[in-house]
Amino acid sequence: MIIFGTKGYLYQLAILTMVCGWCGNPAAHTLRKRVTKFTLFFIPLFPFSTKYATQCTFCGGEQQISQEQADQLLAQHGAGPDGRSGQAPQQPGFTQPGQPGQPGQSPFQR
């Protein structure tokens, strides 16, 4: 007996601020990638379907987009292909060691 089937994987690539096409509010949208893989004996072997979508966090409206549109949104957002941006966001007013200003000291420290 051969056991086969499919399994879905959902990856969150980025969170973008856009105007929603459903509710018209400027809100955060999650950019998601859904990959469906063929499984044999519960072991995922290869992907056979990949879809991209954005979902509004305000109203929950979801819109399917193409891979080219998803890549363009990631490029505008400044994230890499894995969904992570090149640098961690820095808190305003904090200088890291080796940068001009007071090295490694927060402006709130005296």
Protein backbone atom coordinates (compact mmCIF):
# COMPACT_ATOMS: atom_id res chain seq x y z
CA MET A 1 0.00 0.00 0.00
CA ILE A 2 1.33 3.45 -0.98
CA ILE A 3 0.31 6.46 1.10
CA PHE A 4 0.50 9.80 -0.72
CA GLY A 5 -1.06 13.22 -0.41
CA THR A 6 -0.31 16.93 -0.07
CA LYS A 7 0.75 19.30 2.66
CA GLY A 8 0.51 23.08 2.68
CA TYR A 9 3.13 25.47 4.05
CA LEU A 10 2.47 29.15 4.74
CA TYR A 11 5.39 31.61 4.88
CA GLN A 12 5.05 35.24 5.97
CA LEU A 13 7.48 37.19 3.80
CA ALA A 14 6.90 40.77 5.01
CA ILE A 15 4.52 43.20 6.65
CA LEU A 16 3.85 46.19 4.40
CA THR A 17 1.84 49.39 4.89
CA MET A 18 -0.49 49.88 1.93
CA VAL A 19 -3.96 51.20 1.17
CA CYS A 20 -6.39 48.29 1.23
CA GLY A 21 -8.33 47.59 -1.95
CA TRP A 22 -11.27 46.23 0.06
CA CYS A 23 -11.81 48.73 2.88
CA GLY A 24 -9.78 51.70 1.59
CA ASN A 25 -7.87 52.15 4.87
CA PRO A 26 -4.09 52.61 4.98
CA ALA A 27 -3.19 49.57 7.07
CA ALA A 28 -0.55 46.91 7.51
CA HIS A 29 -0.72 44.03 5.04
CA THR A 30 1.00 40.68 5.38
CA LEU A 31 2.70 39.33 2.28
CA ARG A 32 2.37 35.55 2.33
CA LYS A 33 3.63 32.67 0.24
CA ARG A 34 1.65 29.41 0.22
CA VAL A 35 3.49 26.32 -1.01
CA THR A 36 1.74 22.99 -1.52
CA LYS A 37 4.03 19.95 -1.59
CA PHE A 38 3.43 16.38 -2.72
CA THR A 39 4.01 13.87 0.08
CA LEU A 40 4.84 10.18 -0.05
CA PHE A 41 4.50 8.29 3.23
CA PHE A 42 4.05 11.70 4.97
CA ILE A 43 7.43 12.93 3.68
CA PRO A 44 7.21 16.15 1.61
CA LEU A 45 9.02 15.53 -1.68
CA PHE A 46 8.54 18.44 -4.08
CA PRO A 47 6.41 21.58 -4.39
CA PHE A 48 3.76 21.56 -7.09
CA SER A 49 1.92 24.79 -6.30
CA THR A 50 3.15 28.19 -5.10
CA LYS A 51 0.81 31.13 -4.60
CA TYR A 52 1.33 34.63 -3.21
CA ALA A 53 -1.23 36.84 -1.46
CA THR A 54 -1.53 40.00 0.62
CA GLN A 55 -3.95 40.22 3.54
CA CYS A 56 -5.16 43.41 5.23
CA THR A 57 -4.78 43.34 9.00
CA PHE A 58 -7.65 45.82 9.40
CA CYS A 59 -10.50 44.14 7.51
CA GLY A 60 -8.99 40.72 6.72
CA GLY A 61 -9.43 41.13 2.96
CA GLU A 62 -7.08 38.93 0.95
CA GLN A 63 -5.86 39.47 -2.59
CA GLN A 64 -3.98 36.93 -4.72
CA ILE A 65 -0.94 38.39 -6.49
CA SER A 66 1.63 37.05 -8.94
CA GLN A 67 5.21 36.15 -8.07
CA GLU A 68 6.46 39.20 -9.97
CA GLN A 69 4.22 41.49 -7.90
CA ALA A 70 5.41 39.81 -4.68
CA ASP A 71 9.06 40.27 -5.70
CA GLN A 72 8.37 43.92 -6.52
CA LEU A 73 6.72 44.51 -3.13
CA LEU A 74 9.67 42.85 -1.36
CA ALA A 75 12.12 45.02 -3.31
CA GLN A 76 10.18 48.18 -2.38
CA HIS A 77 10.07 47.09 1.24
CA GLY A 78 13.82 46.50 1.31
CA ALA A 79 13.62 42.85 2.30
CA GLY A 80 15.63 40.05 0.78
CA PRO A 81 14.17 36.98 -0.93
CA ASP A 82 13.93 35.18 2.40
CA GLY A 83 11.71 37.96 3.78
CA ARG A 84 14.30 39.39 6.17
CA SER A 85 15.65 42.89 5.80
CA GLY A 86 19.38 43.47 5.64
CA GLN A 87 19.65 45.17 9.03
CA ALA A 88 17.69 45.08 12.22
CA PRO A 89 15.71 48.27 12.81
CA GLN A 90 17.52 50.66 15.08
CA GLN A 91 15.83 52.56 17.85
CA PRO A 92 15.95 56.34 17.30
CA GLY A 93 18.58 58.15 19.35
CA PHE A 94 20.73 55.09 20.04
CA THR A 95 24.27 54.94 18.68
CA GLN A 96 25.96 51.59 18.30
CA PRO A 97 29.61 51.10 19.31
CA GLY A 98 32.01 52.42 16.69
CA GLN A 99 29.60 55.05 15.35
CA PRO A 100 30.08 58.81 15.76
CA GLY A 101 28.78 60.31 18.95
CA GLN A 102 29.10 58.73 22.35
CA PRO A 103 30.29 55.20 21.56
CA GLY A 104 27.88 52.52 22.72
CA GLN A 105 25.93 54.81 25.02
CA SER A 106 22.25 55.62 24.87
CA PRO A 107 21.41 59.35 25.02
CA PHE A 108 19.31 58.54 28.10
CA GLN A 109 22.38 57.41 30.07
CA ARG A 110 24.43 60.08 31.84
